[in-house]
Amino acid sequence: MVARLIDEDPEAAYGYSRVALRLASRVAAVREAAGFAAYASQKYAEALAEFRAARRMTGNVELWPVMADCERGLGRPEKALDMAGAPEVHKLDKAGQVEMRLVAAGARRDMGQLDAAIVTLQSPELASNSVQPWTARLRYAYADALLAVGREAEAREWFAKAVEADRDGSTDASDRLAELDGVEFTDALDENEGADGSERGSEGPSEDASEQSSKSGEDDREV
């Protein structure tokens, strides 16, 4: 239940995870799930405690990047950077190492070290033409870092590369690219409104016309 709800309703997932903890707090999978539920709800202190408990039970290092990101969430980017340089990082698989790089770059940006964040993201994985599960997020983070220092042309190039790799829509790279290109999106409902604000072809104004909002993009924090 926690896994099914964590994306669509993080608070509900968090509630279920607390129940699971009361019933099976000595099960590593339960502690890990509780950690991710707390993380999704931005309860970083609780998330970090649960991830540490799960790691003690299993001895695995795969939670190391998300634990470091919790440190960022708690306002401790220096601690996240310390973790990025720890021996545990060398034990991570490729996906985990890329995730750790994203967290480290985010920590650099938290500290105002924008150029260092760019350098942190530069890696063989970023330069590779092959598309891996992490490719879109890595390219997106690099583009965003470039844009933060005013390198707009390069940022546009990397947002475009992120779009190419983003097969499941995990980022809003297409929206960021359109924004840089000056493309404006018009709500379909707006096209039916007259100059006086009333809806054409309708007896009265739409009840929810004023409630329409545009969705903006994330990560991560990713960091």
Protein backbone atom coordinates (compact mmCIF):
# COMPACT_ATOMS: atom_id res chain seq x y z
CA MET A 1 0.00 0.00 0.00
CA VAL A 2 2.82 2.42 0.85
CA ALA A 3 4.50 1.83 -2.52
CA ARG A 4 1.23 2.36 -4.42
CA LEU A 5 0.43 5.64 -2.66
CA ILE A 6 3.84 7.22 -2.32
CA ASP A 7 3.72 9.14 -5.62
CA GLU A 8 0.06 10.12 -5.71
CA ASP A 9 -0.57 10.69 -2.00
CA PRO A 10 2.64 10.88 0.07
CA GLU A 11 0.84 11.80 3.28
CA ALA A 12 -1.45 8.76 3.04
CA ALA A 13 1.58 6.58 2.32
CA TYR A 14 3.26 8.04 5.38
CA GLY A 15 0.22 7.20 7.51
CA TYR A 16 0.21 3.58 6.34
CA SER A 17 3.94 3.33 6.96
CA ARG A 18 3.48 4.36 10.60
CA VAL A 19 0.95 1.56 11.05
CA ALA A 20 3.35 -0.91 9.45
CA LEU A 21 6.12 0.22 11.78
CA ARG A 22 3.99 -0.50 14.83
CA LEU A 23 3.36 -4.02 13.55
CA ALA A 24 6.77 -4.96 12.13
CA SER A 25 9.46 -2.53 13.18
CA ARG A 26 12.13 -5.22 13.09
CA VAL A 27 11.65 -5.92 9.39
CA ALA A 28 14.20 -4.07 7.25
CA ALA A 29 11.85 -3.70 4.29
CA VAL A 30 9.27 -2.02 6.52
CA ARG A 31 11.85 0.43 7.88
CA GLU A 32 13.01 1.23 4.35
CA ALA A 33 9.45 1.77 3.10
CA ALA A 34 8.77 4.01 6.09
CA GLY A 35 11.88 5.97 5.21
CA PHE A 36 10.77 6.58 1.65
CA ALA A 37 7.28 7.56 2.80
CA ALA A 38 8.74 10.11 5.22
CA TYR A 39 11.16 11.32 2.54
CA ALA A 40 8.32 11.87 0.06
CA SER A 41 6.49 13.86 2.75
CA GLN A 42 9.63 15.96 3.36
CA LYS A 43 10.00 14.61 6.90
CA TYR A 44 13.73 14.27 6.46
CA ALA A 45 14.74 13.62 10.05
CA GLU A 46 12.34 10.67 10.28
CA ALA A 47 13.37 9.43 6.86
CA LEU A 48 17.03 9.49 7.78
CA ALA A 49 16.37 7.59 11.03
CA GLU A 50 14.46 4.88 9.17
CA PHE A 51 17.07 4.57 6.42
CA ARG A 52 19.81 4.22 9.03
CA ALA A 53 17.82 1.52 10.80
CA ALA A 54 17.27 -0.39 7.55
CA ARG A 55 20.96 -0.12 6.71
CA ARG A 56 21.97 -1.45 10.12
CA MET A 57 19.68 -4.44 9.60
CA THR A 58 20.87 -5.32 6.10
CA GLY A 59 24.39 -3.92 5.83
CA ASN A 60 23.55 -2.66 2.33
CA VAL A 61 24.84 0.67 1.05
CA GLU A 62 22.18 1.27 -1.61
CA LEU A 63 20.40 3.81 0.62
CA TRP A 64 23.53 5.95 0.97
CA PRO A 65 22.56 8.56 -1.69
CA VAL A 66 19.05 9.14 -0.33
CA MET A 67 20.46 9.35 3.18
CA ALA A 68 22.81 12.08 1.94
CA ASP A 69 19.88 13.86 0.32
CA CYS A 70 18.08 13.79 3.66
CA GLU A 71 21.07 15.66 5.10
CA ARG A 72 20.50 18.28 2.41
CA GLY A 73 16.84 18.44 3.34
CA LEU A 74 17.85 19.07 6.94
CA GLY A 75 19.99 22.01 5.86
CA ARG A 76 23.30 20.18 6.17
CA PRO A 77 24.82 20.18 2.65
CA GLU A 78 28.33 19.90 4.08
CA LYS A 79 27.37 16.54 5.60
CA ALA A 80 25.97 15.41 2.26
CA LEU A 81 29.29 16.27 0.61
CA ASP A 82 31.17 14.33 3.29
CA MET A 83 29.02 11.32 2.48
CA ALA A 84 29.70 11.78 -1.24
CA GLY A 85 33.38 11.26 -0.51
CA ALA A 86 32.94 8.29 1.82
CA PRO A 87 34.17 4.74 1.02
CA GLU A 88 30.56 3.56 0.82
CA VAL A 89 30.17 5.34 -2.52
CA HIS A 90 32.63 2.94 -4.16
CA LYS A 91 30.39 0.04 -3.16
CA LEU A 92 27.37 1.47 -4.99
CA ASP A 93 26.33 0.21 -8.39
CA LYS A 94 26.43 2.57 -11.37
CA ALA A 95 22.93 3.89 -10.76
CA GLY A 96 23.75 4.57 -7.13
CA GLN A 97 26.95 6.39 -8.02
CA VAL A 98 25.10 8.63 -10.49
CA GLU A 99 22.49 9.34 -7.82
CA MET A 100 25.24 10.25 -5.39
CA ARG A 101 26.72 12.61 -7.97
CA LEU A 102 23.33 14.32 -8.34
CA VAL A 103 23.03 14.74 -4.58
CA ALA A 104 26.58 16.12 -4.34
CA ALA A 105 25.89 18.64 -7.11
CA GLY A 106 22.71 19.70 -5.32
CA ALA A 107 24.68 20.18 -2.12
CA ARG A 108 27.16 22.39 -3.97
CA ARG A 109 24.30 24.53 -5.22
CA ASP A 110 22.84 24.70 -1.71
CA MET A 111 26.16 26.19 -0.62
CA GLY A 112 26.22 28.69 -3.48
CA GLN A 113 29.03 26.85 -5.27
CA LEU A 114 27.39 26.94 -8.71
CA ASP A 115 30.50 26.34 -10.83
CA ALA A 116 31.51 23.45 -8.59
CA ALA A 117 28.07 21.92 -9.10
CA ILE A 118 28.63 21.96 -12.87
CA VAL A 119 32.01 20.28 -12.50
CA THR A 120 30.55 17.66 -10.16
CA LEU A 121 28.02 16.61 -12.80
CA GLN A 122 30.61 16.30 -15.57
CA SER A 123 31.28 12.59 -15.89
CA PRO A 124 31.49 9.72 -18.38
CA GLU A 125 27.82 9.00 -17.69
CA LEU A 126 26.89 12.54 -18.72
CA ALA A 127 29.01 12.38 -21.88
CA SER A 128 27.70 8.96 -22.91
CA ASN A 129 25.30 8.74 -25.86
CA SER A 130 23.61 5.65 -24.46
CA VAL A 131 20.34 6.14 -22.62
CA GLN A 132 20.16 4.66 -19.15
CA PRO A 133 17.46 5.03 -16.47
CA TRP A 134 19.40 7.92 -14.93
CA THR A 135 20.31 9.72 -18.17
CA ALA A 136 17.37 12.15 -18.36
CA ARG A 137 17.76 13.32 -14.76
CA LEU A 138 21.53 13.71 -15.08
CA ARG A 139 21.24 15.76 -18.28
CA TYR A 140 18.43 17.82 -16.74
CA ALA A 141 20.47 18.59 -13.63
CA TYR A 142 23.42 19.64 -15.79
CA ALA A 143 21.24 21.89 -17.94
CA ASP A 144 19.71 23.49 -14.85
CA ALA A 145 23.15 24.07 -13.35
CA LEU A 146 24.35 25.72 -16.57
CA LEU A 147 21.30 27.96 -16.63
CA ALA A 148 21.95 29.00 -13.03
CA VAL A 149 25.27 30.57 -14.07
CA GLY A 150 23.84 32.22 -17.18
CA ARG A 151 25.12 29.77 -19.81
CA GLU A 152 21.78 29.75 -21.57
CA ALA A 153 22.83 28.38 -24.96
CA GLU A 154 24.54 25.39 -23.37
CA ALA A 155 21.62 24.90 -21.02
CA ARG A 156 19.23 24.78 -23.96
CA GLU A 157 21.37 22.12 -25.63
CA TRP A 158 21.33 19.93 -22.53
CA PHE A 159 17.62 20.40 -21.88
CA ALA A 160 17.08 19.18 -25.45
CA LYS A 161 19.28 16.16 -24.73
CA ALA A 162 17.28 15.51 -21.56
CA VAL A 163 14.06 15.54 -23.58
CA GLU A 164 15.52 12.93 -25.94
CA ALA A 165 16.31 10.64 -23.01
CA ASP A 166 13.15 11.29 -20.99
CA ARG A 167 10.98 8.49 -22.31
CA ASP A 168 8.64 8.30 -19.33
CA GLY A 169 8.28 12.01 -18.56
CA SER A 170 10.24 11.90 -15.33
CA THR A 171 11.38 15.51 -15.76
CA ASP A 172 9.82 18.72 -17.10
CA ALA A 173 12.69 19.16 -19.56
CA SER A 174 10.31 19.77 -22.47
CA ASP A 175 8.66 22.65 -20.59
CA ARG A 176 12.02 24.16 -19.68
CA LEU A 177 13.16 23.90 -23.29
CA ALA A 178 9.99 25.56 -24.54
CA GLU A 179 10.45 28.33 -21.97
CA LEU A 180 13.95 29.04 -23.25
CA ASP A 181 12.62 29.09 -26.81
CA GLY A 182 9.96 31.60 -25.84
CA VAL A 183 7.07 29.25 -26.51
CA GLU A 184 3.89 30.10 -24.62
CA PHE A 185 1.22 27.52 -23.95
CA THR A 186 -2.44 28.53 -24.04
CA ASP A 187 -5.02 26.73 -21.94
CA ALA A 188 -7.63 25.15 -24.22
CA LEU A 189 -10.41 26.65 -22.10
CA ASP A 190 -9.02 30.13 -22.64
CA GLU A 191 -9.67 29.81 -26.37
CA ASN A 192 -13.39 29.62 -25.67
CA GLU A 193 -13.48 32.82 -23.68
CA GLY A 194 -14.56 36.11 -25.23
CA ALA A 195 -12.81 39.41 -24.85
CA ASP A 196 -15.11 40.31 -21.96
CA GLY A 197 -14.08 37.19 -20.05
CA SER A 198 -17.32 35.27 -20.72
CA GLU A 199 -17.22 31.86 -22.35
CA ARG A 200 -18.39 31.73 -25.97
CA GLY A 201 -21.24 29.37 -26.73
CA SER A 202 -22.26 29.15 -23.10
CA GLU A 203 -25.11 30.65 -21.14
CA GLY A 204 -22.76 31.78 -18.39
CA PRO A 205 -19.14 31.73 -17.26
CA SER A 206 -17.52 28.39 -16.45
CA GLU A 207 -17.55 27.73 -12.73
CA ASP A 208 -13.92 26.62 -12.64
CA ALA A 209 -12.45 28.86 -15.33
CA SER A 210 -10.73 31.02 -12.74
CA GLU A 211 -9.22 27.98 -11.06
CA GLN A 212 -7.06 26.87 -13.99
CA SER A 213 -3.35 26.95 -13.25
CA SER A 214 -0.26 25.95 -15.14
CA LYS A 215 1.96 23.24 -13.84
CA SER A 216 5.62 24.02 -13.35
CA GLY A 217 8.50 21.60 -12.79
CA GLU A 218 11.94 19.16 -10.07
CA ASP A 219 14.94 17.77 -8.14
CA ASP A 220 15.45 17.16 -5.64
CA ARG A 221 16.22 18.07 -5.21
CA GLU A 222 18.00 14.92 -7.73
CA VAL A 223 18.80 15.62 -6.90
